[in-house]
Amino acid sequence: MSKGRLALIASSLILISFRICAGEFPDNWTWDDQPKFRADHAAIEGKPIRALSVSGWIGGSVKAEDMKGKVVVIDFYATWCGPCMNAIPHNNELVAKYKDKGLLLFGVCTDKSGQEKMAEVVKTHDMKYPTAADPKLISEKNWNVHYYPTYAVIDRKGIVRVVGLTPDHLEAVVQKLLAEPAP
């Protein structure tokens, strides 16, 4: 087989695997209303989970070993964000419904303003999952957070499957990934 043909086959397989992982959920399931935002998030999808730089955990801390073999949802939120606050009850429901099936959901409070209110928000909104602050906005940058809430969903193998998901599509993605075999 010629080198050109092998290169074509290899690039086709890479493209197919990218579509399976990175483009498997419809773009209209995300908040990404600008091509740059979608491109930034697509660049993360299909790859291993990115680093988080957080501190000040409330409700328990989450370590890398806690994520192994779990479907992980990271809710990047801001304390001043109405849609973020409105999503907390649904997040609580997902945790109650799927925790024993392998779901790990946690929040990352980010943005330049409002992190000092994180503890108050946790209490006032009865957040039933761990959350931490992103004081230096490193996680916000690593995960290309352009708006709030930004959900990132990682599969049981530690691969980012979708970033930017809207709250109303979160449960469908969680169900799909929980149905996949554990590594």
C-alpha atoms as a PDB file:
ATOM      1  CA  MET A   1       0.000   0.000   0.000  1.00  0.00           C
ATOM      2  CA  SER A   2       1.346   3.437  -0.877  1.00  0.00           C
ATOM      3  CA  LYS A   3       2.351   6.002   1.739  1.00  0.00           C
ATOM      4  CA  GLY A   4      -0.251   8.392   0.363  1.00  0.00           C
ATOM      5  CA  ARG A   5      -3.025   5.810   0.755  1.00  0.00           C
ATOM      6  CA  LEU A   6      -1.891   4.966   4.296  1.00  0.00           C
ATOM      7  CA  ALA A   7      -1.849   8.666   5.182  1.00  0.00           C
ATOM      8  CA  LEU A   8      -5.375   9.067   3.770  1.00  0.00           C
ATOM      9  CA  ILE A   9      -6.644   6.096   5.786  1.00  0.00           C
ATOM     10  CA  ALA A  10      -4.946   7.347   8.953  1.00  0.00           C
ATOM     11  CA  SER A  11      -6.337  10.850   8.568  1.00  0.00           C
ATOM     12  CA  SER A  12      -9.809   9.424   7.900  1.00  0.00           C
ATOM     13  CA  LEU A  13      -9.650   7.342  11.085  1.00  0.00           C
ATOM     14  CA  ILE A  14      -8.539  10.378  13.082  1.00  0.00           C
ATOM     15  CA  LEU A  15     -11.401  12.424  11.644  1.00  0.00           C
ATOM     16  CA  ILE A  16     -13.917   9.657  12.391  1.00  0.00           C
ATOM     17  CA  SER A  17     -12.711   9.314  15.999  1.00  0.00           C
ATOM     18  CA  PHE A  18     -12.826  13.105  16.401  1.00  0.00           C
ATOM     19  CA  ARG A  19     -16.440  13.142  15.201  1.00  0.00           C
ATOM     20  CA  ILE A  20     -17.362  10.307  17.532  1.00  0.00           C
ATOM     21  CA  CYS A  21     -15.942  12.083  20.575  1.00  0.00           C
ATOM     22  CA  ALA A  22     -15.852  15.785  19.832  1.00  0.00           C
ATOM     23  CA  GLY A  23     -18.909  16.195  17.662  1.00  0.00           C
ATOM     24  CA  GLU A  24     -21.136  13.470  19.023  1.00  0.00           C
ATOM     25  CA  PHE A  25     -23.582  15.847  20.684  1.00  0.00           C
ATOM     26  CA  PRO A  26     -25.385  18.472  18.601  1.00  0.00           C
ATOM     27  CA  ASP A  27     -23.922  21.959  18.650  1.00  0.00           C
ATOM     28  CA  ASN A  28     -27.361  23.323  19.548  1.00  0.00           C
ATOM     29  CA  TRP A  29     -27.024  21.466  22.876  1.00  0.00           C
ATOM     30  CA  THR A  30     -24.387  24.042  23.839  1.00  0.00           C
ATOM     31  CA  TRP A  31     -24.468  27.743  24.606  1.00  0.00           C
ATOM     32  CA  ASP A  32     -21.849  28.240  21.890  1.00  0.00           C
ATOM     33  CA  ASP A  33     -23.444  30.928  19.734  1.00  0.00           C
ATOM     34  CA  GLN A  34     -20.138  32.119  18.297  1.00  0.00           C
ATOM     35  CA  PRO A  35     -17.882  29.972  16.088  1.00  0.00           C
ATOM     36  CA  LYS A  36     -14.821  30.866  18.196  1.00  0.00           C
ATOM     37  CA  PHE A  37     -16.469  29.561  21.375  1.00  0.00           C
ATOM     38  CA  ARG A  38     -17.479  26.301  19.674  1.00  0.00           C
ATOM     39  CA  ALA A  39     -13.960  25.923  18.233  1.00  0.00           C
ATOM     40  CA  ASP A  40     -12.385  26.580  21.655  1.00  0.00           C
ATOM     41  CA  HIS A  41     -14.561  23.917  23.241  1.00  0.00           C
ATOM     42  CA  ALA A  42     -14.165  21.435  20.376  1.00  0.00           C
ATOM     43  CA  ALA A  43     -10.393  21.710  20.878  1.00  0.00           C
ATOM     44  CA  ILE A  44     -10.841  20.259  24.387  1.00  0.00           C
ATOM     45  CA  GLU A  45     -13.340  17.555  23.448  1.00  0.00           C
ATOM     46  CA  GLY A  46     -12.016  14.092  22.702  1.00  0.00           C
ATOM     47  CA  LYS A  47      -8.929  14.673  24.837  1.00  0.00           C
ATOM     48  CA  PRO A  48      -8.007  13.740  28.425  1.00  0.00           C
ATOM     49  CA  ILE A  49      -9.405  15.887  31.226  1.00  0.00           C
ATOM     50  CA  ARG A  50      -7.565  19.184  31.658  1.00  0.00           C
ATOM     51  CA  ALA A  51      -6.024  20.377  34.885  1.00  0.00           C
ATOM     52  CA  LEU A  52      -8.022  22.292  37.437  1.00  0.00           C
ATOM     53  CA  SER A  53      -6.487  24.823  39.788  1.00  0.00           C
ATOM     54  CA  VAL A  54      -9.025  25.316  42.565  1.00  0.00           C
ATOM     55  CA  SER A  55      -9.100  25.888  46.307  1.00  0.00           C
ATOM     56  CA  GLY A  56     -11.455  26.479  49.210  1.00  0.00           C
ATOM     57  CA  TRP A  57     -13.605  23.384  48.747  1.00  0.00           C
ATOM     58  CA  ILE A  58     -17.047  23.390  50.350  1.00  0.00           C
ATOM     59  CA  GLY A  59     -19.023  20.167  50.698  1.00  0.00           C
ATOM     60  CA  GLY A  60     -15.966  17.943  50.386  1.00  0.00           C
ATOM     61  CA  SER A  61     -12.997  18.032  48.056  1.00  0.00           C
ATOM     62  CA  VAL A  62     -12.567  16.183  44.774  1.00  0.00           C
ATOM     63  CA  LYS A  63      -9.250  14.611  43.866  1.00  0.00           C
ATOM     64  CA  ALA A  64      -8.119  12.996  40.624  1.00  0.00           C
ATOM     65  CA  GLU A  65      -8.522   9.507  42.093  1.00  0.00           C
ATOM     66  CA  ASP A  66     -12.171  10.308  42.944  1.00  0.00           C
ATOM     67  CA  MET A  67     -12.878  10.775  39.231  1.00  0.00           C
ATOM     68  CA  LYS A  68     -11.482   7.453  37.995  1.00  0.00           C
ATOM     69  CA  GLY A  69     -14.150   5.309  36.392  1.00  0.00           C
ATOM     70  CA  LYS A  70     -16.845   7.959  36.923  1.00  0.00           C
ATOM     71  CA  VAL A  71     -18.805  10.176  34.593  1.00  0.00           C
ATOM     72  CA  VAL A  72     -17.712  13.629  35.758  1.00  0.00           C
ATOM     73  CA  VAL A  73     -19.647  16.862  35.328  1.00  0.00           C
ATOM     74  CA  ILE A  74     -17.858  20.105  36.085  1.00  0.00           C
ATOM     75  CA  ASP A  75     -20.194  23.067  36.476  1.00  0.00           C
ATOM     76  CA  PHE A  76     -18.210  26.259  35.902  1.00  0.00           C
ATOM     77  CA  TYR A  77     -20.426  28.955  37.379  1.00  0.00           C
ATOM     78  CA  ALA A  78     -20.483  32.502  38.695  1.00  0.00           C
ATOM     79  CA  THR A  79     -22.306  33.561  41.850  1.00  0.00           C
ATOM     80  CA  TRP A  80     -23.974  36.496  40.070  1.00  0.00           C
ATOM     81  CA  CYS A  81     -25.263  34.335  37.179  1.00  0.00           C
ATOM     82  CA  GLY A  82     -29.041  33.773  37.187  1.00  0.00           C
ATOM     83  CA  PRO A  83     -28.990  30.687  34.904  1.00  0.00           C
ATOM     84  CA  CYS A  84     -26.256  29.201  37.122  1.00  0.00           C
ATOM     85  CA  MET A  85     -28.330  29.645  40.256  1.00  0.00           C
ATOM     86  CA  ASN A  86     -31.429  28.295  38.481  1.00  0.00           C
ATOM     87  CA  ALA A  87     -29.463  25.154  37.495  1.00  0.00           C
ATOM     88  CA  ILE A  88     -28.498  24.214  41.071  1.00  0.00           C
ATOM     89  CA  PRO A  89     -31.761  22.372  41.888  1.00  0.00           C
ATOM     90  CA  HIS A  90     -31.398  20.327  38.693  1.00  0.00           C
ATOM     91  CA  ASN A  91     -27.753  19.592  39.525  1.00  0.00           C
ATOM     92  CA  ASN A  92     -28.889  18.431  42.983  1.00  0.00           C
ATOM     93  CA  GLU A  93     -31.477  16.138  41.358  1.00  0.00           C
ATOM     94  CA  LEU A  94     -28.864  14.641  39.028  1.00  0.00           C
ATOM     95  CA  VAL A  95     -26.525  13.949  41.934  1.00  0.00           C
ATOM     96  CA  ALA A  96     -29.318  12.259  43.918  1.00  0.00           C
ATOM     97  CA  LYS A  97     -30.467  10.221  40.919  1.00  0.00           C
ATOM     98  CA  TYR A  98     -27.118   9.108  39.436  1.00  0.00           C
ATOM     99  CA  LYS A  99     -24.450   9.285  42.156  1.00  0.00           C
ATOM    100  CA  ASP A 100     -24.756   5.575  42.949  1.00  0.00           C
ATOM    101  CA  LYS A 101     -24.579   4.782  39.227  1.00  0.00           C
ATOM    102  CA  GLY A 102     -21.205   6.485  38.786  1.00  0.00           C
ATOM    103  CA  LEU A 103     -21.856  10.233  38.438  1.00  0.00           C
ATOM    104  CA  LEU A 104     -19.568  12.780  40.089  1.00  0.00           C
ATOM    105  CA  LEU A 105     -20.731  16.388  39.746  1.00  0.00           C
ATOM    106  CA  PHE A 106     -18.935  19.352  41.246  1.00  0.00           C
ATOM    107  CA  GLY A 107     -18.875  23.107  40.836  1.00  0.00           C
ATOM    108  CA  VAL A 108     -16.053  25.493  40.091  1.00  0.00           C
ATOM    109  CA  CYS A 109     -16.889  29.059  41.083  1.00  0.00           C
ATOM    110  CA  THR A 110     -15.012  31.290  38.716  1.00  0.00           C
ATOM    111  CA  ASP A 111     -15.077  34.777  37.168  1.00  0.00           C
ATOM    112  CA  LYS A 112     -13.390  37.935  38.372  1.00  0.00           C
ATOM    113  CA  SER A 113     -16.202  38.948  40.686  1.00  0.00           C
ATOM    114  CA  GLY A 114     -18.379  37.134  43.171  1.00  0.00           C
ATOM    115  CA  GLN A 115     -16.125  34.324  44.375  1.00  0.00           C
ATOM    116  CA  GLU A 116     -16.182  35.818  47.850  1.00  0.00           C
ATOM    117  CA  LYS A 117     -19.916  34.939  47.933  1.00  0.00           C
ATOM    118  CA  MET A 118     -19.395  31.250  47.142  1.00  0.00           C
ATOM    119  CA  ALA A 119     -20.086  29.974  50.700  1.00  0.00           C
ATOM    120  CA  GLU A 120     -23.241  32.089  50.916  1.00  0.00           C
ATOM    121  CA  VAL A 121     -24.463  30.762  47.550  1.00  0.00           C
ATOM    122  CA  VAL A 122     -23.806  27.152  48.593  1.00  0.00           C
ATOM    123  CA  LYS A 123     -25.891  27.652  51.734  1.00  0.00           C
ATOM    124  CA  THR A 124     -28.654  29.813  50.251  1.00  0.00           C
ATOM    125  CA  HIS A 125     -29.187  27.560  47.226  1.00  0.00           C
ATOM    126  CA  ASP A 126     -28.715  24.321  49.197  1.00  0.00           C
ATOM    127  CA  MET A 127     -25.982  23.057  46.878  1.00  0.00           C
ATOM    128  CA  LYS A 128     -25.659  19.311  47.556  1.00  0.00           C
ATOM    129  CA  TYR A 129     -22.402  18.729  45.697  1.00  0.00           C
ATOM    130  CA  PRO A 130     -18.843  19.921  46.259  1.00  0.00           C
ATOM    131  CA  THR A 131     -17.686  23.227  44.908  1.00  0.00           C
ATOM    132  CA  ALA A 132     -14.407  25.111  44.894  1.00  0.00           C
ATOM    133  CA  ALA A 133     -13.146  28.536  43.930  1.00  0.00           C
ATOM    134  CA  ASP A 134     -10.920  29.416  40.974  1.00  0.00           C
ATOM    135  CA  PRO A 135      -9.210  32.445  42.556  1.00  0.00           C
ATOM    136  CA  LYS A 136      -6.529  32.930  39.893  1.00  0.00           C
ATOM    137  CA  LEU A 137      -8.915  32.058  37.023  1.00  0.00           C
ATOM    138  CA  ILE A 138      -6.514  29.348  35.856  1.00  0.00           C
ATOM    139  CA  SER A 139      -9.279  26.757  35.489  1.00  0.00           C
ATOM    140  CA  GLU A 140     -11.462  29.258  33.647  1.00  0.00           C
ATOM    141  CA  LYS A 141      -8.627  29.753  31.153  1.00  0.00           C
ATOM    142  CA  ASN A 142      -7.683  26.035  30.870  1.00  0.00           C
ATOM    143  CA  TRP A 143     -11.265  25.096  30.069  1.00  0.00           C
ATOM    144  CA  ASN A 144     -12.033  28.057  27.741  1.00  0.00           C
ATOM    145  CA  VAL A 145     -14.944  29.275  29.865  1.00  0.00           C
ATOM    146  CA  HIS A 146     -16.588  32.110  27.933  1.00  0.00           C
ATOM    147  CA  TYR A 147     -20.005  32.178  29.641  1.00  0.00           C
ATOM    148  CA  TYR A 148     -21.888  30.783  32.622  1.00  0.00           C
ATOM    149  CA  PRO A 149     -22.805  28.134  33.339  1.00  0.00           C
ATOM    150  CA  THR A 150     -20.301  26.143  31.310  1.00  0.00           C
ATOM    151  CA  TYR A 151     -20.740  22.420  31.817  1.00  0.00           C
ATOM    152  CA  ALA A 152     -17.902  20.067  30.935  1.00  0.00           C
ATOM    153  CA  VAL A 153     -18.690  16.360  30.857  1.00  0.00           C
ATOM    154  CA  ILE A 154     -15.968  13.723  31.072  1.00  0.00           C
ATOM    155  CA  ASP A 155     -16.500  10.017  30.446  1.00  0.00           C
ATOM    156  CA  ARG A 156     -15.436   7.079  32.615  1.00  0.00           C
ATOM    157  CA  LYS A 157     -12.114   6.867  30.751  1.00  0.00           C
ATOM    158  CA  GLY A 158     -11.219  10.473  31.601  1.00  0.00           C
ATOM    159  CA  ILE A 159     -11.965  11.826  28.111  1.00  0.00           C
ATOM    160  CA  VAL A 160     -13.754  15.167  27.740  1.00  0.00           C
ATOM    161  CA  ARG A 161     -16.857  14.461  25.691  1.00  0.00           C
ATOM    162  CA  VAL A 162     -18.584  17.858  25.606  1.00  0.00           C
ATOM    163  CA  VAL A 163     -17.918  21.384  26.870  1.00  0.00           C
ATOM    164  CA  GLY A 164     -20.440  24.219  26.901  1.00  0.00           C
ATOM    165  CA  LEU A 165     -23.499  22.025  27.351  1.00  0.00           C
ATOM    166  CA  THR A 166     -26.719  23.741  28.389  1.00  0.00           C
ATOM    167  CA  PRO A 167     -28.407  22.568  31.610  1.00  0.00           C
ATOM    168  CA  ASP A 168     -31.454  21.209  29.771  1.00  0.00           C
ATOM    169  CA  HIS A 169     -29.332  18.663  27.849  1.00  0.00           C
ATOM    170  CA  LEU A 170     -27.099  17.638  30.733  1.00  0.00           C
ATOM    171  CA  GLU A 171     -29.159  14.661  31.890  1.00  0.00           C
ATOM    172  CA  ALA A 172     -29.325  13.132  28.387  1.00  0.00           C
ATOM    173  CA  VAL A 173     -25.528  13.278  28.106  1.00  0.00           C
ATOM    174  CA  VAL A 174     -25.063  11.865  31.618  1.00  0.00           C
ATOM    175  CA  GLN A 175     -27.421   8.963  30.833  1.00  0.00           C
ATOM    176  CA  LYS A 176     -25.581   8.180  27.588  1.00  0.00           C
ATOM    177  CA  LEU A 177     -22.172   8.190  29.233  1.00  0.00           C
ATOM    178  CA  LEU A 178     -23.308   6.197  32.264  1.00  0.00           C
ATOM    179  CA  ALA A 179     -24.608   3.522  29.856  1.00  0.00           C
ATOM    180  CA  GLU A 180     -21.123   3.090  28.391  1.00  0.00           C
ATOM    181  CA  PRO A 181     -19.005   0.333  29.925  1.00  0.00           C
ATOM    182  CA  ALA A 182     -16.613   1.270  32.698  1.00  0.00           C
ATOM    183  CA  PRO A 183     -12.914   0.837  31.866  1.00  0.00           C
END
